[in-house]
């Protein structure tokens, strides 16, 4: 057992399949963000990412993303608290959407902030697995 819990958070595109379970321990959580309204279909928002302020405003004001994330925080907190109590070394939390650019990225960013703030005794890493394929207007 490890002395520290490592929480790996990833965003991904369902088009490219599920993220790899590198530790072969079952992979942890996979949350499907496709039930949230997609900013891709709203003009120039398609050329932004879940890291941009305009996308954050879209999600907070026009979608059920806040409720979605609050439910996820409740769910993952159960596991994180237990993993800490049992000295488990690793938890993976994945967020998928169609393109891996908006919904899953925003969700992963927000849950990363949450984990770092609520569980400072853990090591949290974030990876956007589809970043090389993002549609960005030059």
N, C-alpha and C. Protein backbone atom coordinates (compact mmCIF):
# COMPACT_ATOMS: atom_id res chain seq x y z
N UNK A 1 0.83 -1.19 0.00
CA UNK A 1 0.00 0.00 0.00
C UNK A 1 0.88 1.26 0.00
N UNK A 2 0.33 2.33 -0.56
CA UNK A 2 1.05 3.59 -0.66
C UNK A 2 0.68 4.51 0.49
N UNK A 3 1.56 5.45 0.77
CA UNK A 3 1.27 6.44 1.81
C UNK A 3 0.42 7.59 1.29
N UNK A 4 0.30 7.70 -0.03
CA UNK A 4 -0.44 8.81 -0.61
C UNK A 4 -1.39 8.28 -1.68
N UNK A 5 -2.57 8.87 -1.73
CA UNK A 5 -3.54 8.51 -2.77
C UNK A 5 -3.28 9.36 -4.00
N UNK A 6 -3.06 8.71 -5.12
CA UNK A 6 -2.89 9.40 -6.40
C UNK A 6 -4.23 9.34 -7.13
N UNK A 7 -4.77 10.52 -7.46
CA UNK A 7 -6.02 10.62 -8.20
C UNK A 7 -5.69 11.08 -9.61
N UNK A 8 -5.95 10.22 -10.58
CA UNK A 8 -5.70 10.53 -11.99
C UNK A 8 -7.03 10.91 -12.64
N UNK A 9 -7.09 12.11 -13.20
CA UNK A 9 -8.31 12.60 -13.84
C UNK A 9 -8.02 12.81 -15.32
N UNK A 10 -8.91 12.28 -16.17
CA UNK A 10 -8.71 12.37 -17.61
C UNK A 10 -10.00 12.77 -18.32
N UNK A 11 -9.84 13.54 -19.38
CA UNK A 11 -10.93 13.75 -20.33
C UNK A 11 -10.60 12.94 -21.57
N UNK A 12 -11.65 12.48 -22.26
CA UNK A 12 -11.42 11.68 -23.46
C UNK A 12 -12.59 11.83 -24.43
N UNK A 13 -12.35 11.41 -25.66
CA UNK A 13 -13.38 11.37 -26.69
C UNK A 13 -13.85 9.93 -26.87
N UNK A 14 -15.16 9.72 -26.84
CA UNK A 14 -15.68 8.38 -27.06
C UNK A 14 -15.33 7.87 -28.46
N UNK A 15 -15.09 8.78 -29.39
CA UNK A 15 -14.69 8.36 -30.74
C UNK A 15 -13.39 7.57 -30.73
N UNK A 16 -12.55 7.84 -29.75
CA UNK A 16 -11.25 7.17 -29.65
C UNK A 16 -11.23 6.05 -28.62
N UNK A 17 -12.35 5.78 -28.02
CA UNK A 17 -12.43 4.70 -27.03
C UNK A 17 -12.12 5.17 -25.62
N UNK A 18 -12.32 4.26 -24.70
CA UNK A 18 -12.09 4.54 -23.29
C UNK A 18 -10.61 4.70 -22.98
N UNK A 19 -10.28 5.49 -21.95
CA UNK A 19 -8.88 5.62 -21.55
C UNK A 19 -8.33 4.27 -21.08
N UNK A 20 -7.05 4.08 -21.26
CA UNK A 20 -6.40 2.85 -20.85
C UNK A 20 -6.34 2.76 -19.33
N UNK A 21 -6.55 1.58 -18.82
CA UNK A 21 -6.39 1.29 -17.40
C UNK A 21 -4.95 0.85 -17.18
N UNK A 22 -4.06 1.84 -17.04
CA UNK A 22 -2.62 1.54 -17.01
C UNK A 22 -2.20 0.72 -15.80
N UNK A 23 -2.90 0.84 -14.70
CA UNK A 23 -2.54 0.06 -13.51
C UNK A 23 -3.26 -1.28 -13.43
N UNK A 24 -4.17 -1.51 -14.34
CA UNK A 24 -4.92 -2.77 -14.40
C UNK A 24 -5.66 -3.07 -13.09
N UNK A 25 -6.23 -2.00 -12.50
CA UNK A 25 -6.98 -2.18 -11.25
C UNK A 25 -8.47 -1.92 -11.43
N UNK A 26 -8.95 -1.94 -12.65
CA UNK A 26 -10.37 -1.75 -12.90
C UNK A 26 -10.70 -0.40 -13.48
N UNK A 27 -9.79 0.53 -13.43
CA UNK A 27 -9.96 1.81 -14.12
C UNK A 27 -10.71 2.89 -13.38
N UNK A 28 -11.44 2.59 -12.34
CA UNK A 28 -12.13 3.65 -11.60
C UNK A 28 -13.41 4.10 -12.27
N UNK A 29 -13.68 5.39 -12.19
CA UNK A 29 -14.93 5.95 -12.68
C UNK A 29 -14.83 6.38 -14.14
N UNK A 30 -15.94 6.23 -14.87
CA UNK A 30 -16.09 6.80 -16.20
C UNK A 30 -17.43 7.51 -16.21
N UNK A 31 -17.40 8.82 -16.37
CA UNK A 31 -18.62 9.62 -16.41
C UNK A 31 -18.87 10.09 -17.84
N UNK A 32 -20.08 9.84 -18.31
CA UNK A 32 -20.48 10.19 -19.67
C UNK A 32 -21.10 11.58 -19.66
N UNK A 33 -20.42 12.53 -20.30
CA UNK A 33 -20.87 13.92 -20.32
C UNK A 33 -21.79 14.24 -21.50
N UNK A 34 -22.10 13.24 -22.33
CA UNK A 34 -22.89 13.50 -23.53
C UNK A 34 -24.34 13.89 -23.25
N UNK A 35 -24.80 13.74 -22.02
CA UNK A 35 -26.14 14.17 -21.66
C UNK A 35 -26.25 15.68 -21.43
N UNK A 36 -25.12 16.36 -21.43
CA UNK A 36 -25.07 17.81 -21.25
C UNK A 36 -25.06 18.47 -22.63
N UNK A 37 -25.79 19.56 -22.75
CA UNK A 37 -25.85 20.32 -24.01
C UNK A 37 -24.44 20.62 -24.51
N UNK A 38 -24.20 20.39 -25.80
CA UNK A 38 -22.87 20.50 -26.39
C UNK A 38 -22.65 21.88 -27.00
N UNK A 39 -21.67 22.65 -26.51
CA UNK A 39 -21.40 23.98 -27.08
C UNK A 39 -20.87 23.92 -28.51
N UNK A 40 -20.46 22.76 -28.96
CA UNK A 40 -19.98 22.60 -30.34
C UNK A 40 -21.01 23.11 -31.35
N UNK A 41 -22.28 22.99 -31.02
CA UNK A 41 -23.36 23.34 -31.94
C UNK A 41 -23.76 24.81 -31.87
N UNK A 42 -22.98 25.63 -31.17
CA UNK A 42 -23.32 27.04 -30.98
C UNK A 42 -22.21 27.93 -31.54
N UNK A 43 -22.19 28.07 -32.86
CA UNK A 43 -21.31 29.01 -33.54
C UNK A 43 -19.84 28.85 -33.20
N UNK A 44 -19.23 29.95 -32.81
CA UNK A 44 -17.79 29.96 -32.56
C UNK A 44 -17.38 29.23 -31.29
N UNK A 45 -18.35 28.81 -30.47
CA UNK A 45 -17.99 28.04 -29.27
C UNK A 45 -17.30 26.73 -29.65
N UNK A 46 -17.57 26.23 -30.85
CA UNK A 46 -16.96 24.96 -31.26
C UNK A 46 -15.44 25.05 -31.32
N UNK A 47 -14.91 26.26 -31.48
CA UNK A 47 -13.47 26.44 -31.60
C UNK A 47 -12.80 26.75 -30.26
N UNK A 48 -13.57 26.67 -29.19
CA UNK A 48 -13.03 26.86 -27.84
C UNK A 48 -12.91 25.51 -27.16
N UNK A 49 -12.43 25.51 -25.94
CA UNK A 49 -12.33 24.26 -25.18
C UNK A 49 -12.98 24.45 -23.82
N UNK A 50 -13.09 23.36 -23.11
CA UNK A 50 -13.64 23.40 -21.76
C UNK A 50 -12.80 24.18 -20.77
N UNK A 51 -11.67 24.71 -21.22
CA UNK A 51 -10.82 25.54 -20.38
C UNK A 51 -11.11 27.02 -20.56
N UNK A 52 -11.93 27.38 -21.54
CA UNK A 52 -12.21 28.78 -21.86
C UNK A 52 -13.39 29.33 -21.05
N UNK A 53 -13.29 30.60 -20.69
CA UNK A 53 -14.31 31.27 -19.87
C UNK A 53 -15.69 31.25 -20.55
N UNK A 54 -15.72 31.44 -21.86
CA UNK A 54 -17.00 31.44 -22.58
C UNK A 54 -17.70 30.08 -22.46
N UNK A 55 -16.93 29.03 -22.47
CA UNK A 55 -17.51 27.68 -22.31
C UNK A 55 -17.99 27.50 -20.88
N UNK A 56 -17.22 27.97 -19.93
CA UNK A 56 -17.65 27.90 -18.53
C UNK A 56 -18.99 28.62 -18.35
N UNK A 57 -19.11 29.82 -18.88
CA UNK A 57 -20.36 30.57 -18.78
C UNK A 57 -21.51 29.83 -19.44
N UNK A 58 -21.26 29.26 -20.60
CA UNK A 58 -22.27 28.48 -21.31
C UNK A 58 -22.77 27.34 -20.42
N UNK A 59 -21.83 26.58 -19.86
CA UNK A 59 -22.22 25.44 -19.03
C UNK A 59 -22.95 25.86 -17.77
N UNK A 60 -22.49 26.92 -17.13
CA UNK A 60 -23.10 27.34 -15.87
C UNK A 60 -24.47 27.98 -16.06
N UNK A 61 -24.67 28.65 -17.18
CA UNK A 61 -25.91 29.40 -17.39
C UNK A 61 -26.95 28.69 -18.27
N UNK A 62 -26.52 27.76 -19.12
CA UNK A 62 -27.44 27.20 -20.11
C UNK A 62 -27.59 25.69 -20.06
N UNK A 63 -26.95 25.04 -19.10
CA UNK A 63 -27.00 23.57 -19.05
C UNK A 63 -27.21 23.08 -17.63
N UNK A 64 -27.30 21.76 -17.51
CA UNK A 64 -27.40 21.12 -16.20
C UNK A 64 -26.03 20.69 -15.66
N UNK A 65 -24.99 21.27 -16.22
CA UNK A 65 -23.63 20.93 -15.80
C UNK A 65 -23.40 21.13 -14.30
N UNK A 66 -23.88 22.24 -13.69
CA UNK A 66 -23.64 22.38 -12.23
C UNK A 66 -24.22 21.22 -11.43
N UNK A 67 -25.42 20.79 -11.75
CA UNK A 67 -26.03 19.65 -11.05
C UNK A 67 -25.24 18.38 -11.30
N UNK A 68 -24.86 18.16 -12.54
CA UNK A 68 -24.07 16.99 -12.94
C UNK A 68 -22.79 16.92 -12.11
N UNK A 69 -22.05 18.03 -12.03
CA UNK A 69 -20.79 18.04 -11.30
C UNK A 69 -20.99 17.87 -9.80
N UNK A 70 -22.05 18.46 -9.25
CA UNK A 70 -22.31 18.29 -7.82
C UNK A 70 -22.59 16.84 -7.47
N UNK A 71 -23.33 16.15 -8.34
CA UNK A 71 -23.59 14.73 -8.10
C UNK A 71 -22.30 13.92 -8.18
N UNK A 72 -21.45 14.24 -9.13
CA UNK A 72 -20.17 13.54 -9.26
C UNK A 72 -19.30 13.79 -8.03
N UNK A 73 -19.28 15.02 -7.53
CA UNK A 73 -18.50 15.31 -6.33
C UNK A 73 -18.97 14.44 -5.16
N UNK A 74 -20.28 14.29 -5.02
CA UNK A 74 -20.80 13.44 -3.95
C UNK A 74 -20.38 11.99 -4.13
N UNK A 75 -20.46 11.50 -5.35
CA UNK A 75 -20.11 10.10 -5.62
C UNK A 75 -18.63 9.84 -5.39
N UNK A 76 -17.77 10.67 -5.97
CA UNK A 76 -16.33 10.40 -5.84
C UNK A 76 -15.83 10.62 -4.42
N UNK A 77 -16.49 11.50 -3.67
CA UNK A 77 -16.07 11.74 -2.28
C UNK A 77 -16.21 10.48 -1.44
N UNK A 78 -17.23 9.69 -1.71
CA UNK A 78 -17.39 8.42 -0.98
C UNK A 78 -16.16 7.56 -1.18
N UNK A 79 -15.75 7.40 -2.44
CA UNK A 79 -14.58 6.56 -2.73
C UNK A 79 -13.29 7.18 -2.21
N UNK A 80 -13.11 8.46 -2.43
CA UNK A 80 -11.86 9.10 -1.98
C UNK A 80 -11.70 8.95 -0.47
N UNK A 81 -12.75 9.21 0.28
CA UNK A 81 -12.66 9.08 1.73
C UNK A 81 -12.33 7.64 2.15
N UNK A 82 -12.96 6.67 1.51
CA UNK A 82 -12.67 5.27 1.81
C UNK A 82 -11.26 4.88 1.40
N UNK A 83 -10.84 5.35 0.21
CA UNK A 83 -9.49 5.04 -0.26
C UNK A 83 -8.44 5.62 0.69
N UNK A 84 -8.70 6.80 1.20
CA UNK A 84 -7.78 7.40 2.17
C UNK A 84 -7.76 6.59 3.47
N UNK A 85 -8.93 6.19 3.94
CA UNK A 85 -9.01 5.39 5.17
C UNK A 85 -8.31 4.05 5.03
N UNK A 86 -8.37 3.47 3.84
CA UNK A 86 -7.79 2.14 3.62
C UNK A 86 -6.37 2.20 3.03
N UNK A 87 -5.87 3.40 2.84
CA UNK A 87 -4.52 3.61 2.25
C UNK A 87 -4.41 3.01 0.86
N UNK A 88 -5.47 3.09 0.09
CA UNK A 88 -5.39 2.65 -1.31
C UNK A 88 -4.54 3.66 -2.08
N UNK A 89 -3.78 3.21 -3.07
CA UNK A 89 -2.82 4.09 -3.71
C UNK A 89 -3.33 4.87 -4.92
N UNK A 90 -4.46 4.44 -5.54
CA UNK A 90 -4.76 4.99 -6.86
C UNK A 90 -6.26 5.00 -7.13
N UNK A 91 -6.73 6.12 -7.69
CA UNK A 91 -8.10 6.22 -8.17
C UNK A 91 -8.09 6.96 -9.50
N UNK A 92 -8.77 6.41 -10.49
CA UNK A 92 -8.86 7.05 -11.79
C UNK A 92 -10.29 7.55 -11.98
N UNK A 93 -10.41 8.81 -12.46
CA UNK A 93 -11.71 9.42 -12.74
C UNK A 93 -11.67 9.95 -14.16
N UNK A 94 -12.54 9.42 -15.02
CA UNK A 94 -12.54 9.76 -16.44
C UNK A 94 -13.83 10.44 -16.85
N UNK A 95 -13.71 11.39 -17.77
CA UNK A 95 -14.87 12.10 -18.31
C UNK A 95 -14.83 12.02 -19.82
N UNK A 96 -15.90 11.47 -20.40
CA UNK A 96 -15.95 11.33 -21.85
C UNK A 96 -17.07 12.13 -22.47
N UNK A 97 -16.82 12.60 -23.68
CA UNK A 97 -17.87 13.22 -24.50
C UNK A 97 -17.54 12.91 -25.96
N UNK A 98 -18.31 13.43 -26.86
CA UNK A 98 -18.16 13.08 -28.26
C UNK A 98 -16.78 13.43 -28.80
N UNK A 99 -16.38 14.69 -28.64
CA UNK A 99 -15.11 15.14 -29.21
C UNK A 99 -13.97 15.28 -28.24
N UNK A 100 -14.25 15.17 -26.95
CA UNK A 100 -13.18 15.31 -25.95
C UNK A 100 -12.59 16.70 -25.90
N UNK A 101 -13.42 17.72 -26.14
CA UNK A 101 -12.92 19.10 -26.20
C UNK A 101 -13.65 20.07 -25.29
N UNK A 102 -14.93 19.87 -25.08
CA UNK A 102 -15.72 20.84 -24.31
C UNK A 102 -16.22 20.26 -23.00
N UNK A 103 -17.21 19.38 -23.07
CA UNK A 103 -17.88 18.87 -21.87
C UNK A 103 -16.96 18.06 -20.98
N UNK A 104 -16.24 17.13 -21.57
CA UNK A 104 -15.35 16.29 -20.75
C UNK A 104 -14.18 17.09 -20.20
N UNK A 105 -13.68 18.03 -20.98
CA UNK A 105 -12.56 18.87 -20.54
C UNK A 105 -12.99 19.76 -19.38
N UNK A 106 -14.14 20.41 -19.52
CA UNK A 106 -14.64 21.26 -18.45
C UNK A 106 -14.86 20.45 -17.17
N UNK A 107 -15.49 19.29 -17.32
CA UNK A 107 -15.76 18.44 -16.16
C UNK A 107 -14.47 18.02 -15.47
N UNK A 108 -13.49 17.59 -16.26
CA UNK A 108 -12.21 17.16 -15.69
C UNK A 108 -11.51 18.31 -14.99
N UNK A 109 -11.54 19.48 -15.58
CA UNK A 109 -10.92 20.66 -14.96
C UNK A 109 -11.58 20.97 -13.62
N UNK A 110 -12.91 20.96 -13.61
CA UNK A 110 -13.64 21.31 -12.38
C UNK A 110 -13.43 20.28 -11.28
N UNK A 111 -13.44 19.01 -11.64
CA UNK A 111 -13.25 17.97 -10.63
C UNK A 111 -11.80 17.95 -10.14
N UNK A 112 -10.87 18.31 -10.99
CA UNK A 112 -9.48 18.44 -10.54
C UNK A 112 -9.37 19.52 -9.48
N UNK A 113 -9.97 20.68 -9.74
CA UNK A 113 -9.96 21.77 -8.74
C UNK A 113 -10.59 21.30 -7.43
N UNK A 114 -11.72 20.64 -7.54
CA UNK A 114 -12.43 20.14 -6.36
C UNK A 114 -11.53 19.20 -5.54
N UNK A 115 -10.93 18.23 -6.20
CA UNK A 115 -10.09 17.26 -5.50
C UNK A 115 -8.88 17.92 -4.84
N UNK A 116 -8.26 18.84 -5.53
CA UNK A 116 -7.08 19.51 -4.98
C UNK A 116 -7.45 20.35 -3.76
N UNK A 117 -8.62 20.99 -3.80
CA UNK A 117 -9.05 21.83 -2.68
C UNK A 117 -9.53 20.99 -1.49
N UNK A 118 -10.35 19.98 -1.77
CA UNK A 118 -10.95 19.20 -0.68
C UNK A 118 -10.00 18.15 -0.11
N UNK A 119 -9.09 17.67 -0.93
CA UNK A 119 -8.19 16.58 -0.52
C UNK A 119 -6.73 16.96 -0.79
N UNK A 120 -6.21 17.97 -0.08
CA UNK A 120 -4.84 18.42 -0.34
C UNK A 120 -3.78 17.36 -0.01
N UNK A 121 -4.16 16.34 0.75
CA UNK A 121 -3.22 15.29 1.11
C UNK A 121 -3.04 14.27 -0.02
N UNK A 122 -3.75 14.44 -1.13
CA UNK A 122 -3.63 13.54 -2.27
C UNK A 122 -2.76 14.18 -3.35
N UNK A 123 -2.35 13.36 -4.30
CA UNK A 123 -1.66 13.86 -5.49
C UNK A 123 -2.65 13.73 -6.65
N UNK A 124 -2.98 14.86 -7.27
CA UNK A 124 -3.98 14.87 -8.34
C UNK A 124 -3.29 15.24 -9.65
N UNK A 125 -3.50 14.42 -10.68
CA UNK A 125 -2.99 14.73 -12.01
C UNK A 125 -4.14 14.80 -12.99
N UNK A 126 -3.96 15.61 -14.02
CA UNK A 126 -4.99 15.84 -15.03
C UNK A 126 -4.39 15.64 -16.42
N UNK A 127 -5.12 14.89 -17.26
CA UNK A 127 -4.69 14.67 -18.63
C UNK A 127 -5.89 14.78 -19.56
N UNK A 128 -5.75 15.60 -20.60
CA UNK A 128 -6.76 15.70 -21.65
C UNK A 128 -6.26 14.86 -22.82
N UNK A 129 -6.78 13.64 -22.93
CA UNK A 129 -6.22 12.66 -23.86
C UNK A 129 -6.47 12.99 -25.32
N UNK A 130 -7.44 13.85 -25.61
CA UNK A 130 -7.77 14.17 -27.01
C UNK A 130 -7.28 15.56 -27.42
N UNK A 131 -6.42 16.16 -26.64
CA UNK A 131 -5.99 17.54 -26.85
C UNK A 131 -5.39 17.77 -28.24
N UNK A 132 -4.70 16.81 -28.78
CA UNK A 132 -4.09 16.98 -30.10
C UNK A 132 -5.13 17.08 -31.23
N UNK A 133 -6.37 16.73 -30.95
CA UNK A 133 -7.42 16.75 -31.97
C UNK A 133 -8.43 17.87 -31.78
N UNK A 134 -8.17 18.78 -30.86
CA UNK A 134 -9.13 19.87 -30.61
C UNK A 134 -9.25 20.76 -31.83
N UNK A 135 -10.48 21.19 -32.11
CA UNK A 135 -10.73 22.15 -33.20
C UNK A 135 -10.49 23.55 -32.67
N UNK A 136 -9.40 24.16 -33.04
CA UNK A 136 -9.04 25.50 -32.56
C UNK A 136 -8.92 26.40 -33.78
N UNK A 137 -9.62 27.51 -33.75
CA UNK A 137 -9.55 28.49 -34.85
C UNK A 137 -8.27 29.30 -34.71
N UNK A 138 -7.50 29.35 -35.76
CA UNK A 138 -6.23 30.12 -35.73
C UNK A 138 -6.45 31.54 -36.17
